[in-house]
Amino acid sequence: MITKTVTLKKAQDICRQRKATGKWFGVTMEKKTDGKLRRMCARGGVKAGVTGAGRKFNPADHRVLGIWDRAKKDFRFINLDGIKEVRVLGIRYIVK
């Protein structure tokens, strides 16, 4: 795996771009609730299980990105300010 160092903004942009295209990506981030590291395989564009009721808040206001977590088989949020690394197509982007 190739390793590259990126800024937090670049890592956020990679996550947003992968979500927008519905492509899989890996992310390691610090959880907002308890500060623990969480590693997940995520994807955007998933429609299964969506009820149409909508969210009760705007994710951008809370600096989170809604995705589908493959391991949990449910929707989760990525803490955009807590991203530590992003993994895409054999490249590991580490936030410095």
N, C-alpha and C. Protein backbone atom coordinates (compact mmCIF):
# COMPACT_ATOMS: atom_id res chain seq x y z
N MET A 1 0.85 -1.18 0.00
CA MET A 1 0.00 0.00 0.00
C MET A 1 0.89 1.24 0.00
N ILE A 2 0.57 2.19 -0.84
CA ILE A 2 1.30 3.46 -0.93
C ILE A 2 0.78 4.39 0.16
N THR A 3 1.68 5.09 0.84
CA THR A 3 1.30 6.02 1.90
C THR A 3 1.64 7.44 1.49
N LYS A 4 0.67 8.34 1.65
CA LYS A 4 0.87 9.75 1.36
C LYS A 4 0.39 10.56 2.55
N THR A 5 1.02 11.70 2.77
CA THR A 5 0.60 12.62 3.83
C THR A 5 -0.22 13.74 3.20
N VAL A 6 -1.38 14.03 3.81
CA VAL A 6 -2.26 15.07 3.30
C VAL A 6 -2.75 15.96 4.45
N THR A 7 -3.31 17.08 4.08
CA THR A 7 -3.92 17.95 5.08
C THR A 7 -5.30 17.42 5.44
N LEU A 8 -5.85 17.89 6.53
CA LEU A 8 -7.20 17.49 6.94
C LEU A 8 -8.21 17.88 5.86
N LYS A 9 -8.06 19.05 5.28
CA LYS A 9 -8.99 19.50 4.23
C LYS A 9 -8.97 18.56 3.04
N LYS A 10 -7.79 18.11 2.63
CA LYS A 10 -7.68 17.19 1.50
C LYS A 10 -8.34 15.85 1.84
N ALA A 11 -8.15 15.35 3.05
CA ALA A 11 -8.79 14.10 3.48
C ALA A 11 -10.31 14.25 3.48
N GLN A 12 -10.81 15.39 3.93
CA GLN A 12 -12.25 15.64 3.92
C GLN A 12 -12.77 15.66 2.48
N ASP A 13 -12.03 16.30 1.59
CA ASP A 13 -12.42 16.36 0.18
C ASP A 13 -12.46 14.97 -0.46
N ILE A 14 -11.50 14.12 -0.11
CA ILE A 14 -11.47 12.75 -0.63
C ILE A 14 -12.72 12.00 -0.17
N CYS A 15 -13.07 12.12 1.10
CA CYS A 15 -14.26 11.44 1.64
C CYS A 15 -15.53 11.94 0.95
N ARG A 16 -15.64 13.25 0.80
CA ARG A 16 -16.84 13.82 0.15
C ARG A 16 -16.95 13.36 -1.31
N GLN A 17 -15.81 13.33 -2.00
CA GLN A 17 -15.82 12.92 -3.41
C GLN A 17 -16.20 11.45 -3.55
N ARG A 18 -15.66 10.60 -2.68
CA ARG A 18 -15.98 9.16 -2.74
C ARG A 18 -17.46 8.94 -2.39
N LYS A 19 -17.98 9.70 -1.43
CA LYS A 19 -19.40 9.58 -1.08
C LYS A 19 -20.27 9.99 -2.26
N ALA A 20 -19.91 11.10 -2.91
CA ALA A 20 -20.71 11.62 -4.02
C ALA A 20 -20.77 10.64 -5.19
N THR A 21 -19.71 9.87 -5.40
CA THR A 21 -19.68 8.93 -6.52
C THR A 21 -20.17 7.54 -6.12
N GLY A 22 -20.44 7.33 -4.82
CA GLY A 22 -20.93 6.04 -4.37
C GLY A 22 -19.86 4.96 -4.33
N LYS A 23 -18.60 5.36 -4.25
CA LYS A 23 -17.49 4.41 -4.24
C LYS A 23 -17.07 4.09 -2.81
N TRP A 24 -16.57 2.88 -2.59
CA TRP A 24 -16.10 2.44 -1.28
C TRP A 24 -14.80 3.13 -0.91
N PHE A 25 -14.62 3.40 0.37
CA PHE A 25 -13.37 3.93 0.88
C PHE A 25 -13.25 3.56 2.35
N GLY A 26 -12.03 3.53 2.83
CA GLY A 26 -11.79 3.26 4.24
C GLY A 26 -11.44 4.55 4.96
N VAL A 27 -11.84 4.64 6.20
CA VAL A 27 -11.54 5.84 6.97
C VAL A 27 -11.29 5.46 8.42
N THR A 28 -10.31 6.13 9.02
CA THR A 28 -10.07 6.02 10.45
C THR A 28 -10.27 7.41 11.01
N MET A 29 -11.12 7.51 12.03
CA MET A 29 -11.42 8.82 12.59
C MET A 29 -11.66 8.72 14.08
N GLU A 30 -11.56 9.86 14.72
CA GLU A 30 -11.82 9.96 16.15
C GLU A 30 -13.31 10.25 16.33
N LYS A 31 -13.97 9.43 17.14
CA LYS A 31 -15.40 9.62 17.37
C LYS A 31 -15.65 10.88 18.20
N LYS A 32 -16.72 11.60 17.85
CA LYS A 32 -17.07 12.81 18.60
C LYS A 32 -17.54 12.50 20.01
N THR A 33 -18.22 11.37 20.18
CA THR A 33 -18.85 11.06 21.46
C THR A 33 -17.85 10.75 22.57
N ASP A 34 -16.85 9.92 22.27
CA ASP A 34 -15.94 9.51 23.34
C ASP A 34 -14.45 9.63 22.98
N GLY A 35 -14.14 10.11 21.78
CA GLY A 35 -12.75 10.31 21.39
C GLY A 35 -12.00 9.06 20.97
N LYS A 36 -12.68 7.91 20.98
CA LYS A 36 -12.02 6.66 20.57
C LYS A 36 -11.85 6.64 19.06
N LEU A 37 -10.82 5.93 18.60
CA LEU A 37 -10.61 5.78 17.17
C LEU A 37 -11.58 4.75 16.62
N ARG A 38 -12.10 5.03 15.44
CA ARG A 38 -13.01 4.11 14.78
C ARG A 38 -12.53 3.94 13.36
N ARG A 39 -12.46 2.71 12.92
CA ARG A 39 -12.04 2.39 11.56
C ARG A 39 -13.22 1.75 10.85
N MET A 40 -13.53 2.24 9.65
CA MET A 40 -14.67 1.68 8.93
C MET A 40 -14.45 1.68 7.43
N CYS A 41 -15.19 0.82 6.78
CA CYS A 41 -15.26 0.78 5.33
C CYS A 41 -16.60 1.43 4.99
N ALA A 42 -16.56 2.52 4.24
CA ALA A 42 -17.75 3.33 4.05
C ALA A 42 -18.07 3.56 2.58
N ARG A 43 -19.32 3.98 2.35
CA ARG A 43 -19.78 4.26 1.00
C ARG A 43 -20.94 5.23 1.06
N GLY A 44 -21.05 6.07 0.09
CA GLY A 44 -22.18 6.98 -0.02
C GLY A 44 -23.14 6.49 -1.08
N GLY A 45 -24.26 7.15 -1.21
CA GLY A 45 -25.21 6.83 -2.27
C GLY A 45 -26.08 5.61 -2.01
N VAL A 46 -26.08 5.08 -0.79
CA VAL A 46 -26.89 3.90 -0.47
C VAL A 46 -28.33 4.34 -0.21
N LYS A 47 -29.27 3.70 -0.88
CA LYS A 47 -30.69 4.05 -0.74
C LYS A 47 -31.47 3.04 0.09
N ALA A 48 -30.93 1.84 0.29
CA ALA A 48 -31.63 0.80 1.03
C ALA A 48 -31.89 1.25 2.46
N GLY A 49 -33.08 1.06 2.93
CA GLY A 49 -33.42 1.39 4.30
C GLY A 49 -33.80 2.84 4.52
N VAL A 50 -33.79 3.65 3.47
CA VAL A 50 -34.16 5.05 3.60
C VAL A 50 -35.69 5.14 3.61
N THR A 51 -36.23 5.80 4.63
CA THR A 51 -37.69 5.88 4.77
C THR A 51 -38.29 7.09 4.09
N GLY A 52 -37.48 8.10 3.81
CA GLY A 52 -37.99 9.32 3.19
C GLY A 52 -38.37 10.38 4.20
N ALA A 53 -38.26 10.05 5.49
CA ALA A 53 -38.63 11.01 6.53
C ALA A 53 -37.60 12.13 6.63
N GLY A 54 -36.37 11.89 6.24
CA GLY A 54 -35.32 12.89 6.31
C GLY A 54 -34.69 12.95 7.69
N ARG A 55 -33.59 13.67 7.75
CA ARG A 55 -32.89 13.84 9.03
C ARG A 55 -33.50 14.99 9.80
N LYS A 56 -33.32 14.95 11.10
CA LYS A 56 -33.84 16.00 11.95
C LYS A 56 -32.83 17.13 12.15
N PHE A 57 -31.67 17.01 11.49
CA PHE A 57 -30.63 18.04 11.60
C PHE A 57 -29.85 18.09 10.29
N ASN A 58 -29.09 19.15 10.12
CA ASN A 58 -28.25 19.30 8.94
C ASN A 58 -26.84 18.82 9.30
N PRO A 59 -26.36 17.74 8.68
CA PRO A 59 -25.03 17.21 9.01
C PRO A 59 -23.91 18.24 8.87
N ALA A 60 -24.01 19.14 7.91
CA ALA A 60 -22.96 20.15 7.71
C ALA A 60 -22.83 21.06 8.94
N ASP A 61 -23.93 21.31 9.64
CA ASP A 61 -23.89 22.15 10.85
C ASP A 61 -23.09 21.49 11.97
N HIS A 62 -23.00 20.16 11.94
CA HIS A 62 -22.31 19.40 12.99
C HIS A 62 -20.96 18.86 12.52
N ARG A 63 -20.56 19.23 11.29
CA ARG A 63 -19.28 18.81 10.72
C ARG A 63 -19.15 17.28 10.64
N VAL A 64 -20.23 16.63 10.17
CA VAL A 64 -20.23 15.19 9.98
C VAL A 64 -20.66 14.88 8.55
N LEU A 65 -20.33 13.68 8.09
CA LEU A 65 -20.67 13.22 6.75
C LEU A 65 -21.40 11.89 6.88
N GLY A 66 -22.61 11.82 6.39
CA GLY A 66 -23.40 10.59 6.47
C GLY A 66 -22.97 9.59 5.42
N ILE A 67 -22.72 8.35 5.85
CA ILE A 67 -22.27 7.28 4.95
C ILE A 67 -22.92 5.96 5.38
N TRP A 68 -22.69 4.92 4.60
CA TRP A 68 -23.10 3.55 4.91
C TRP A 68 -21.88 2.80 5.41
N ASP A 69 -21.97 2.20 6.60
CA ASP A 69 -20.87 1.44 7.19
C ASP A 69 -21.08 -0.03 6.84
N ARG A 70 -20.11 -0.62 6.12
CA ARG A 70 -20.26 -2.00 5.66
C ARG A 70 -20.29 -2.99 6.82
N ALA A 71 -19.45 -2.80 7.82
CA ALA A 71 -19.39 -3.75 8.94
C ALA A 71 -20.66 -3.70 9.79
N LYS A 72 -21.15 -2.51 10.08
CA LYS A 72 -22.35 -2.35 10.91
C LYS A 72 -23.63 -2.57 10.12
N LYS A 73 -23.52 -2.51 8.77
CA LYS A 73 -24.68 -2.63 7.89
C LYS A 73 -25.76 -1.62 8.26
N ASP A 74 -25.30 -0.39 8.44
CA ASP A 74 -26.21 0.69 8.83
C ASP A 74 -25.56 2.03 8.48
N PHE A 75 -26.38 3.06 8.54
CA PHE A 75 -25.86 4.41 8.29
C PHE A 75 -25.12 4.91 9.52
N ARG A 76 -24.02 5.59 9.29
CA ARG A 76 -23.21 6.18 10.35
C ARG A 76 -22.73 7.54 9.88
N PHE A 77 -22.08 8.28 10.77
CA PHE A 77 -21.53 9.58 10.41
C PHE A 77 -20.03 9.58 10.64
N ILE A 78 -19.32 10.25 9.73
CA ILE A 78 -17.88 10.46 9.87
C ILE A 78 -17.69 11.84 10.47
N ASN A 79 -16.92 11.91 11.54
CA ASN A 79 -16.55 13.19 12.14
C ASN A 79 -15.48 13.81 11.25
N LEU A 80 -15.85 14.82 10.47
CA LEU A 80 -14.92 15.40 9.50
C LEU A 80 -13.70 16.02 10.16
N ASP A 81 -13.83 16.54 11.36
CA ASP A 81 -12.70 17.15 12.04
C ASP A 81 -11.81 16.12 12.73
N GLY A 82 -12.25 14.87 12.80
CA GLY A 82 -11.49 13.84 13.49
C GLY A 82 -10.84 12.82 12.58
N ILE A 83 -10.84 13.07 11.27
CA ILE A 83 -10.26 12.11 10.32
C ILE A 83 -8.75 11.98 10.56
N LYS A 84 -8.30 10.75 10.70
CA LYS A 84 -6.87 10.47 10.89
C LYS A 84 -6.23 9.89 9.63
N GLU A 85 -7.00 9.07 8.89
CA GLU A 85 -6.51 8.53 7.63
C GLU A 85 -7.67 8.09 6.75
N VAL A 86 -7.41 8.10 5.44
CA VAL A 86 -8.38 7.66 4.45
C VAL A 86 -7.67 6.66 3.55
N ARG A 87 -8.35 5.57 3.20
CA ARG A 87 -7.77 4.55 2.34
C ARG A 87 -8.62 4.41 1.08
N VAL A 88 -7.97 4.61 -0.08
CA VAL A 88 -8.68 4.56 -1.36
C VAL A 88 -7.79 3.89 -2.40
N LEU A 89 -8.28 2.84 -3.02
CA LEU A 89 -7.59 2.20 -4.15
C LEU A 89 -6.11 1.92 -3.89
N GLY A 90 -5.80 1.38 -2.72
CA GLY A 90 -4.43 1.01 -2.39
C GLY A 90 -3.53 2.16 -1.95
N ILE A 91 -4.14 3.32 -1.76
CA ILE A 91 -3.37 4.48 -1.27
C ILE A 91 -3.89 4.84 0.12
N ARG A 92 -2.96 5.00 1.04
CA ARG A 92 -3.30 5.36 2.41
C ARG A 92 -2.92 6.82 2.62
N TYR A 93 -3.92 7.68 2.82
CA TYR A 93 -3.69 9.12 3.05
C TYR A 93 -3.71 9.37 4.54
N ILE A 94 -2.58 9.76 5.11
CA ILE A 94 -2.47 10.03 6.54
C ILE A 94 -2.55 11.53 6.74
N VAL A 95 -3.39 11.95 7.68
CA VAL A 95 -3.57 13.37 7.98
C VAL A 95 -2.48 13.84 8.92
N LYS A 96 -1.81 14.90 8.54
CA LYS A 96 -0.76 15.50 9.37
C LYS A 96 -1.13 16.92 9.69
